[in-house]
Protein backbone atom coordinates (compact mmCIF):
# COMPACT_ATOMS: atom_id res chain seq x y z
CA UNK A 1 -205.99 -84.85 -98.46
CA UNK A 2 -206.70 -88.56 -98.45
CA UNK A 3 -205.23 -90.38 -95.46
CA UNK A 4 -203.69 -93.63 -96.72
CA UNK A 5 -201.66 -94.29 -93.63
CA UNK A 6 -201.81 -93.16 -89.99
CA UNK A 7 -198.78 -90.99 -90.71
CA UNK A 8 -198.44 -88.94 -93.89
CA UNK A 9 -194.75 -89.75 -93.79
CA UNK A 10 -193.04 -92.96 -94.69
CA UNK A 11 -193.58 -95.56 -97.35
CA UNK A 12 -196.19 -98.07 -98.47
CA UNK A 13 -195.71 -101.23 -100.51
CA UNK A 14 -197.51 -102.05 -103.75
CA UNK A 15 -200.18 -104.19 -102.05
CA UNK A 16 -201.18 -101.14 -99.98
CA UNK A 17 -201.09 -98.79 -102.97
CA UNK A 18 -203.52 -101.14 -104.73
CA UNK A 19 -205.99 -100.82 -101.82
CA UNK A 20 -206.32 -97.11 -102.60
CA UNK A 21 -205.84 -97.12 -106.37
CA UNK A 22 -208.22 -99.77 -107.75
CA UNK A 23 -206.22 -100.93 -110.76
CA UNK A 24 -203.96 -103.89 -111.42
CA UNK A 25 -200.25 -104.15 -110.62
CA UNK A 26 -199.29 -103.95 -114.27
CA UNK A 27 -201.29 -100.73 -114.68
CA UNK A 28 -199.41 -99.10 -111.79
CA UNK A 29 -196.06 -100.12 -113.32
CA UNK A 30 -197.16 -98.89 -116.77
CA UNK A 31 -198.25 -95.56 -115.28
CA UNK A 32 -194.88 -95.24 -113.50
CA UNK A 33 -193.04 -95.85 -116.80
CA UNK A 34 -195.29 -93.31 -118.55
CA UNK A 35 -194.85 -90.70 -115.80
CA UNK A 36 -198.55 -90.88 -114.85
CA UNK A 37 -197.96 -92.23 -111.31
CA UNK A 38 -195.30 -91.37 -108.74
CA UNK A 39 -192.17 -93.49 -109.04
CA UNK A 40 -191.33 -95.88 -106.22
CA UNK A 41 -188.26 -95.73 -104.02
CA UNK A 42 -185.88 -98.69 -103.87
CA UNK A 43 -185.38 -99.27 -100.12
CA UNK A 44 -183.17 -102.33 -100.58
CA UNK A 45 -182.36 -104.96 -103.21
CA UNK A 46 -185.71 -106.66 -102.67
CA UNK A 47 -187.91 -103.85 -101.33
CA UNK A 48 -189.63 -101.20 -103.42
CA UNK A 49 -192.15 -98.79 -101.89
CA UNK A 50 -193.93 -95.54 -102.59
CA UNK A 51 -193.86 -92.35 -100.57
CA UNK A 52 -197.17 -92.04 -98.71
CA UNK A 53 -197.20 -88.29 -99.37
CA UNK A 54 -196.70 -88.75 -103.14
CA UNK A 55 -199.49 -91.33 -103.42
CA UNK A 56 -201.84 -89.22 -101.27
CA UNK A 57 -201.20 -86.20 -103.48
CA UNK A 58 -201.79 -88.26 -106.65
CA UNK A 59 -205.10 -89.59 -105.28
CA UNK A 60 -206.21 -86.13 -104.09
CA UNK A 61 -205.57 -84.64 -107.52
CA UNK A 62 -207.97 -87.18 -109.00
CA UNK A 63 -210.82 -86.67 -106.55
CA UNK A 64 -212.22 -83.74 -108.50
CA UNK A 65 -215.50 -84.67 -110.18
CA UNK A 66 -215.07 -85.68 -113.83
CA UNK A 67 -217.42 -82.94 -115.04
CA UNK A 68 -215.22 -80.22 -113.47
CA UNK A 69 -212.32 -80.98 -115.84
């Protein structure tokens, strides 16, 4: 499993997600709408974050070499 955060529990904001998933913000939001990326959690009116565990799992699933698919 990829360690995105010192603790596998908790939440990370979009700026931290983008450090581990090298795409643009709009791509993340498009993938969320398409069901290709874990949906975020609304923590308050102005705060949206992703579960560290969900993002780690998503990244881990994609670490398999392309020729093994």
